[in-house]
Each structure stands twice: as structure tokens, then as C-alpha cells.
Protein backbone atom coordinates (compact mmCIF):
# COMPACT_ATOMS: atom_id res chain seq x y z
CA MET A 1 0.00 0.00 0.00
CA ASN A 2 1.02 3.61 -0.64
CA LYS A 3 0.96 6.21 2.17
CA VAL A 4 -0.35 9.73 1.49
CA PHE A 5 -0.74 12.84 3.68
CA LEU A 6 -3.84 14.96 3.04
CA LEU A 7 -4.82 18.38 4.34
CA HIS A 8 -7.61 17.31 6.69
CA LYS A 9 -8.63 20.74 8.04
CA ARG A 10 -7.40 24.30 7.88
CA PRO A 11 -5.33 25.40 10.90
CA GLU A 12 -6.48 28.01 13.35
CA GLY A 13 -3.21 29.53 14.52
CA LYS A 14 -0.24 27.19 14.71
CA PRO A 15 -0.73 23.96 12.72
CA SER A 16 -1.28 20.73 14.64
CA LEU A 17 -1.04 17.07 13.72
CA THR A 18 -4.84 16.87 13.53
CA ASP A 19 -4.76 19.20 10.52
CA PHE A 20 -3.25 16.36 8.52
CA LYS A 21 -4.61 12.93 7.66
CA LEU A 22 -2.53 9.89 6.77
CA ILE A 23 -4.26 7.48 4.41
CA GLU A 24 -3.27 4.41 2.46
CA GLU A 25 -4.14 3.81 -1.17
CA GLY A 26 -3.26 1.31 -3.84
CA MET A 27 0.12 1.45 -5.53
CA PRO A 28 0.05 3.74 -8.58
CA GLU A 29 0.82 2.53 -12.10
CA ALA A 30 2.35 4.79 -14.73
CA GLU A 31 0.32 5.44 -17.87
CA ASP A 32 1.47 6.67 -21.29
CA GLY A 33 4.16 9.31 -21.01
CA GLU A 34 4.31 9.17 -17.20
CA LEU A 35 7.02 8.39 -14.69
CA LEU A 36 6.63 6.27 -11.58
CA LEU A 37 8.49 7.97 -8.74
CA LYS A 38 9.62 6.89 -5.28
CA SER A 39 9.95 9.80 -2.83
CA LEU A 40 13.33 9.99 -1.12
CA TYR A 41 13.53 13.42 0.54
CA VAL A 42 10.74 15.89 1.35
CA SER A 43 11.32 19.60 1.96
CA VAL A 44 9.16 21.30 4.58
CA ASP A 45 9.11 25.10 4.42
CA PRO A 46 7.37 27.94 6.27
CA TYR A 47 5.58 29.20 3.12
CA LEU A 48 3.46 26.03 3.12
CA ARG A 49 1.56 27.49 6.09
CA GLY A 50 0.05 30.17 3.87
CA ARG A 51 -1.15 27.57 1.39
CA MET A 52 -3.08 25.86 4.17
CA ASN A 53 -5.38 28.90 4.42
CA ASP A 54 -8.35 29.36 2.11
CA ALA A 55 -7.07 32.70 0.88
CA LYS A 56 -5.97 34.17 -2.42
CA SER A 57 -2.21 34.47 -2.71
CA TYR A 58 0.65 34.20 -5.18
CA ILE A 59 0.22 30.41 -5.21
CA PRO A 60 -3.02 28.40 -5.02
CA ALA A 61 -4.21 27.20 -1.62
CA PHE A 62 -4.12 23.52 -0.76
CA GLN A 63 -7.51 21.88 -1.09
CA LEU A 64 -9.10 19.99 1.79
CA ASN A 65 -8.81 16.21 1.60
CA MET A 66 -6.23 16.48 -1.15
CA PRO A 67 -2.50 15.70 -0.83
CA MET A 68 -0.09 18.25 0.58
CA GLN A 69 2.77 19.21 -1.74
CA SER A 70 6.30 20.56 -1.49
CA GLY A 71 9.72 20.18 -3.04
CA ILE A 72 10.60 16.49 -3.21
CA ILE A 73 13.58 14.54 -4.48
CA ALA A 74 12.47 11.23 -5.95
CA GLU A 75 13.93 8.22 -7.77
CA VAL A 76 12.54 7.21 -11.15
CA LEU A 77 11.30 3.61 -10.94
CA THR A 78 9.81 3.41 -14.43
CA SER A 79 9.81 5.89 -17.28
CA ASP A 80 7.91 6.28 -20.54
CA SER A 81 9.73 9.52 -21.31
CA PRO A 82 12.95 9.92 -23.34
CA ALA A 83 14.05 12.66 -20.92
CA PHE A 84 14.35 10.31 -17.92
CA LYS A 85 15.36 6.72 -17.33
CA LYS A 86 15.02 4.24 -14.49
CA GLY A 87 17.37 5.14 -11.65
CA ASP A 88 17.47 8.88 -12.36
CA PHE A 89 16.98 11.29 -9.47
CA VAL A 90 14.56 14.16 -10.01
CA LEU A 91 13.39 17.26 -8.14
CA GLY A 92 9.89 18.66 -8.40
CA ASN A 93 6.90 20.08 -6.55
CA LEU A 94 5.25 16.77 -5.76
CA ASP A 95 2.58 15.27 -3.51
CA TRP A 96 3.34 14.01 -0.02
CA LYS A 97 3.17 10.40 -1.20
CA GLN A 98 5.61 7.53 -0.90
CA TYR A 99 5.01 6.65 -4.56
CA GLN A 100 3.35 8.66 -7.32
CA THR A 101 3.07 9.02 -11.05
CA CYS A 102 3.47 12.24 -12.98
CA LEU A 103 4.30 13.68 -16.36
CA PRO A 104 7.92 14.78 -16.83
CA ASN A 105 6.98 18.45 -17.23
CA GLY A 106 8.42 20.54 -14.43
CA LEU A 107 10.84 17.90 -13.17
CA GLN A 108 14.54 18.66 -12.87
CA LYS A 109 17.07 15.87 -13.28
CA ILE A 110 19.69 15.88 -10.51
CA GLU A 111 23.19 14.97 -11.64
CA ALA A 112 24.44 13.66 -8.31
CA ASP A 113 24.89 10.34 -6.58
CA ALA A 114 22.49 9.04 -3.94
CA ASN A 115 24.65 10.38 -1.09
CA ASN A 116 24.65 14.00 -2.31
CA LEU A 117 21.03 14.77 -3.10
CA THR A 118 19.83 16.93 -0.20
CA PRO A 119 21.72 20.13 -1.21
CA TYR A 120 19.29 20.37 -4.15
CA LEU A 121 16.50 21.03 -1.65
CA GLY A 122 18.64 23.59 0.14
CA ILE A 123 21.73 25.50 -0.83
CA LEU A 124 21.56 24.45 -4.51
CA GLY A 125 17.78 24.68 -4.64
CA MET A 126 15.12 27.25 -3.83
CA THR A 127 16.70 28.02 -0.46
CA GLY A 128 20.02 29.05 -1.96
CA LEU A 129 18.36 30.88 -4.85
CA THR A 130 16.17 32.83 -2.43
CA ALA A 131 19.16 33.89 -0.36
CA TYR A 132 21.40 34.80 -3.28
CA LEU A 133 18.91 36.58 -5.51
CA GLY A 134 17.04 38.30 -2.68
CA LEU A 135 20.24 39.69 -1.20
CA THR A 136 22.04 40.64 -4.41
CA LEU A 137 19.13 41.97 -6.47
CA LEU A 138 17.12 43.71 -3.73
CA GLY A 139 19.56 44.18 -0.85
CA LYS A 140 22.35 45.37 -3.16
CA PRO A 141 25.01 45.20 -0.41
CA LYS A 142 28.17 47.26 -0.76
CA ASN A 143 31.60 46.61 0.72
CA HIS A 144 31.83 47.50 4.43
CA GLU A 145 28.06 47.89 4.87
CA THR A 146 26.17 46.21 7.72
CA ILE A 147 23.63 43.47 7.01
CA VAL A 148 21.17 42.19 9.62
CA VAL A 149 19.47 38.83 9.07
CA SER A 150 16.49 37.65 11.10
CA GLY A 151 15.78 33.93 11.30
CA ALA A 152 19.53 33.79 10.79
CA ALA A 153 20.02 30.13 11.75
CA GLY A 154 17.35 28.96 9.33
CA ALA A 155 17.88 27.57 5.85
CA VAL A 156 17.83 30.91 4.02
CA GLY A 157 19.37 32.99 6.80
CA THR A 158 22.58 30.98 7.11
CA ILE A 159 23.23 31.37 3.38
CA VAL A 160 22.39 35.09 3.32
CA GLY A 161 24.92 35.72 6.07
CA GLN A 162 27.70 33.86 4.30
CA ILE A 163 27.06 35.62 0.99
CA GLY A 164 27.09 38.94 2.82
CA LYS A 165 30.54 38.12 4.20
CA LEU A 166 31.76 37.16 0.71
CA MET A 167 30.63 40.61 -0.45
CA GLY A 168 32.74 42.34 2.20
CA CYS A 169 29.98 43.24 4.65
CA ARG A 170 29.63 43.11 8.41
CA VAL A 171 26.88 40.57 9.15
CA VAL A 172 24.74 40.37 12.28
CA GLY A 173 22.28 37.51 12.80
CA ILE A 174 19.23 37.35 15.05
CA THR A 175 18.19 33.95 16.38
CA GLY A 176 16.48 32.34 19.35
CA THR A 177 18.97 30.22 21.33
CA HIS A 178 22.52 30.43 22.66
CA GLU A 179 23.39 27.29 20.68
CA LYS A 180 22.36 28.97 17.44
CA VAL A 181 24.30 32.11 18.34
CA SER A 182 27.41 29.95 18.68
CA LEU A 183 26.65 28.15 15.40
CA LEU A 184 26.25 31.41 13.48
CA GLN A 185 29.50 32.87 14.76
CA SER A 186 31.61 29.72 14.44
CA LYS A 187 30.40 27.69 11.47
CA PHE A 188 28.84 30.47 9.40
CA LYS A 189 31.29 33.26 10.32
CA PHE A 190 28.72 35.93 11.25
CA ASP A 191 30.44 38.88 12.89
CA LYS A 192 27.85 38.96 15.65
CA ALA A 193 24.71 37.05 16.62
CA ILE A 194 21.97 38.03 19.05
CA ASN A 195 19.67 35.71 20.99
CA TYR A 196 16.44 37.70 21.05
CA ASN A 197 15.17 35.56 23.94
CA ALA A 198 18.11 36.54 26.15
CA VAL A 199 18.30 40.33 25.81
CA PRO A 200 16.11 42.74 27.80
CA ASN A 201 15.92 45.25 24.95
CA LEU A 202 16.37 43.90 21.42
CA GLN A 203 16.42 47.35 19.81
CA GLN A 204 19.31 48.36 22.05
CA ALA A 205 21.13 45.06 21.47
CA ILE A 206 20.95 45.62 17.70
CA HIS A 207 22.21 49.18 18.17
CA LEU A 208 25.24 47.90 20.09
CA ALA A 209 25.96 45.13 17.56
CA CYS A 210 25.53 47.46 14.57
CA HIS A 211 27.60 50.42 15.73
CA LYS A 212 27.35 52.02 12.27
CA GLY A 213 23.65 51.29 11.85
CA VAL A 214 21.88 48.85 9.52
CA ASP A 215 22.26 49.23 5.76
CA VAL A 216 20.54 46.03 4.62
CA TYR A 217 17.92 44.08 6.53
CA PHE A 218 17.05 40.61 5.20
CA ASP A 219 13.75 39.89 6.93
CA ASN A 220 12.70 36.26 7.34
CA VAL A 221 10.59 36.81 10.46
CA GLY A 222 8.57 40.02 10.73
CA GLY A 223 6.84 40.97 13.99
CA ASN A 224 8.61 42.46 16.99
CA ILE A 225 12.06 41.47 15.76
CA SER A 226 11.62 43.50 12.59
CA ASP A 227 10.29 46.45 14.57
CA ALA A 228 13.54 46.45 16.55
CA VAL A 229 15.71 46.24 13.43
CA LEU A 230 13.85 49.01 11.58
CA ALA A 231 14.48 51.36 14.50
CA ASN A 232 18.20 51.05 13.68
CA ILE A 233 18.28 51.49 9.89
CA ASN A 234 20.51 54.00 8.14
CA LYS A 235 19.60 56.46 5.44
CA HIS A 236 19.05 54.69 2.11
CA ALA A 237 18.72 51.31 3.84
CA ARG A 238 17.28 48.40 1.85
CA ILE A 239 14.79 46.07 3.54
CA VAL A 240 14.31 42.73 1.79
CA LEU A 241 11.05 41.00 2.76
CA CYS A 242 11.58 37.28 2.35
CA GLY A 243 9.25 35.85 5.01
CA ALA A 244 7.21 36.62 8.12
CA ILE A 245 7.16 33.36 10.07
CA ALA A 246 6.40 35.22 13.32
CA LEU A 247 3.04 36.23 11.86
CA TYR A 248 1.98 33.18 9.83
CA ASN A 249 -0.05 31.67 12.66
CA GLU A 250 -1.77 34.86 13.83
CA THR A 251 -5.56 34.62 13.76
CA LYS A 252 -6.04 38.39 13.41
CA PRO A 253 -3.81 41.16 12.03
CA PRO A 254 -1.37 42.30 14.72
CA THR A 255 -0.85 45.94 15.55
CA GLY A 256 2.70 47.23 15.45
CA PRO A 257 4.65 50.42 14.91
CA ARG A 258 3.65 52.39 11.82
CA ILE A 259 6.81 52.14 9.74
CA GLN A 260 6.04 54.77 7.10
CA PRO A 261 7.69 57.65 9.00
CA THR A 262 10.88 55.62 9.39
CA ILE A 263 10.93 54.59 5.73
CA LEU A 264 10.28 58.20 4.72
CA THR A 265 12.82 59.95 6.91
CA LYS A 266 15.51 57.37 6.14
CA SER A 267 14.79 57.39 2.37
CA ALA A 268 14.73 53.61 2.72
CA THR A 269 13.29 51.02 0.36
CA MET A 270 11.31 47.96 1.40
CA GLN A 271 10.47 45.26 -1.13
CA GLY A 272 8.95 41.83 -0.88
CA PHE A 273 9.67 39.15 -3.44
CA ILE A 274 8.62 35.71 -4.59
CA ILE A 275 11.57 33.69 -5.83
CA SER A 276 9.73 32.50 -8.94
CA ASP A 277 9.72 36.14 -10.12
CA PHE A 278 13.43 35.71 -10.83
CA ALA A 279 13.25 32.39 -12.71
CA ASP A 280 15.35 33.76 -15.57
CA LYS A 281 18.20 34.29 -13.09
CA PHE A 282 18.19 30.72 -11.73
CA PRO A 283 20.89 29.21 -13.99
CA GLU A 284 23.37 32.00 -13.30
CA ALA A 285 22.65 31.97 -9.55
CA THR A 286 22.89 28.18 -9.28
CA LYS A 287 26.24 28.24 -11.08
CA GLN A 288 27.61 30.82 -8.64
CA LEU A 289 26.33 28.97 -5.57
CA ALA A 290 27.78 25.68 -6.83
CA LEU A 291 31.15 27.36 -7.45
CA TRP A 292 31.27 28.85 -3.96
CA LEU A 293 30.29 25.48 -2.49
CA GLN A 294 33.00 23.72 -4.49
CA GLU A 295 35.55 26.32 -3.36
CA LYS A 296 34.40 25.76 0.26
CA LYS A 297 33.44 29.42 0.55
CA LEU A 298 29.91 28.33 1.52
CA THR A 299 28.73 25.67 3.91
CA TYR A 300 25.29 24.60 5.10
CA SER A 301 23.37 22.89 7.88
CA GLU A 302 20.54 20.41 7.56
CA THR A 303 18.08 19.02 10.07
CA ILE A 304 17.06 15.64 8.67
CA VAL A 305 14.09 13.84 10.21
CA ASP A 306 13.67 10.14 9.45
CA GLY A 307 10.39 8.62 8.33
CA PHE A 308 7.51 9.49 6.01
CA ASN A 309 5.09 9.49 8.95
CA ASN A 310 7.02 12.37 10.54
CA ILE A 311 6.53 14.91 7.72
CA PRO A 312 3.77 16.92 9.50
CA GLN A 313 5.68 17.07 12.80
CA ALA A 314 8.84 18.24 11.02
CA PHE A 315 6.80 20.99 9.38
CA ILE A 316 5.23 22.04 12.70
CA ASN A 317 8.67 22.13 14.33
CA LEU A 318 9.69 24.97 12.00
CA PHE A 319 7.44 27.33 13.97
CA SER A 320 9.25 26.70 17.23
CA GLY A 321 12.73 26.96 15.73
CA LYS A 322 13.68 23.30 16.16
CA ASN A 323 15.66 23.29 12.92
CA GLU A 324 19.23 24.33 12.21
CA GLY A 325 19.40 25.20 8.54
CA LYS A 326 17.22 23.32 6.08
CA MET A 327 14.50 21.02 7.46
CA ILE A 328 14.22 17.82 5.40
CA VAL A 329 12.40 14.54 5.91
CA LYS A 330 14.14 11.39 4.72
CA VAL A 331 11.38 9.08 3.53
């Protein structure tokens, strides 16, 4: 039998295990032109929370009692397509199923051995592309500027910080534990990291860490953390809106500081982005990331959870910061 996770009900606030339903169905059989795939690694990402709501957005909402989907690396078991053969590894936006059939459209062949697949869900996949293109195209960092990254120990944040260092910037990360502070400063070479849970005044802590102010803010979090960063921005600062995980589970719009006066008086720019907007830049960005990785100028962290049955819990754990770097489920 084939296991499948469905969206059982829409969350109210933080997702729970009861929002998902595990079912079993018959094994699929490939039809004309289709591939039969075996899921190997499943990416769980904060943006999936928005798709669980019945709301119009940049990507369609998940439908109730239909399979959840995310980035998945799979092995081709059978193929009726000249583009793929049995034994190939592919990456695509696929259903949370152990086995599934699909047409080859939209699948990317991964030229790597079985022991080196997971970077294509992270640093060589959408995570790395989001960090690189968001920072370089919107943040536009200059040598000796100061970059602040929220959610800095997450999948995107760790890469943003390293790229900032490669571009000659001072990089300050904001995270939620002492262990992650140590990780950011040792493994990822951030100049400074702040545990927002351990400082009495985050705005003041950022001021002390960024003695020349903040030139680029790469925002993965939103909420109170972003309020504290924005109070420290310099004139002509660039704020890159990548995510707002602190707000995804709110049941009503939160009230915070009105940021327009700050943006106005600092002549700052704030821009959100969806990584698919930059699809034409993917080949160039992937080439650069792969080169830096090969040259050991970039490194990465992964939190790998074992077992198909644990996909929902791994996803839920993102909202309490239980991941270091990219969260992946090994099927």
C-alpha cells in the first residue's frame, strides 16, 4: 500500500497534527508518457503554512482532503519519457506520497549520486536561490556595509549571512537560542549574533551590535524582531522581505509600529519578493552557488528527520525553531 498525507482541516493559529490525515491507497501505475516515482527526501518550508489557508495568494491554496505538496527529491522507478530513465533522481513540486506518477513536465534531473542529493532542496535549490537573488538583487550590499538577518540560523538565513561576508559586509544575525548564536558565529562566520530571547531590549542590542547602523535588513521573520531592526536602519537602507514566520499563525492582524515615517525619513526602500519572479536568473545563480560550495566558501546545515510518517511534525517544528538550517524529511 502507498501512504499519502492529506490536508484534513485548515489550521487556526499554529498547525497541529490533527490538521493532517494519513491514508493508504493502492500502488500507482504509470500510464502513457508518465514516470513512476519513489519519494526519497521531502522539503518542509514555512511558506506552506500560507497555502493551508483558504485565501488568495501568489500560489493556489491547498484543497481539503487532497495531498499536501512541497519540493521532493524522488527516484525514477519506471519511465515512458525519453528525458528520464530508471534510476534517475529528479526534483519537483510533488505530492506528499511515498510513490506517485506524474508527467515529466516541471521535473529537474539531478546529476548527483544518492549520497549527495539533499543540497538540491537547500543550498543548490530554492533556499540558496532565495538567499542569493534576494540579497544581491534587492539588498544590493556594498563593501563595508552592515547586514542584519532575522531567522539567521534557518535555511535561508545561514546562506544570506555567508554571501554577505563574501561581499565584504559586516553581518549580524538574530536567532532564538545560545546554541544557534554559537553556530552562526563559528560555522557560518557571522560577525555577531543576538539571541532575542536573552536580551532585555532587542532594539538596544541591535544598536550595540551594529555600531554604524543597519544598511541592509534581510527579513525572514517580521513581527517584533523586525520592529527592533527598523528602528536602527541608516539612510538609504534596503529592507528585503523574504518571510514573516512570526506572523503566519496569527488569527487576526497584529498591531505594530507604523513604519512609514521611518521609511520616509531614512529614504529607505522595502520590497517583498517571490523567488519564482526571478526564474530567468536561476541558472546564473545556481552556477555561482555551486562554485562557492566547491571552493568551500559556503557551507550549510541540515536538520534531517527520518520517516515518512514524521513529515507533518517536522513541518510544525519549523514554527518553534527546532531546525538548524534546512529542514528535510528522509522518507
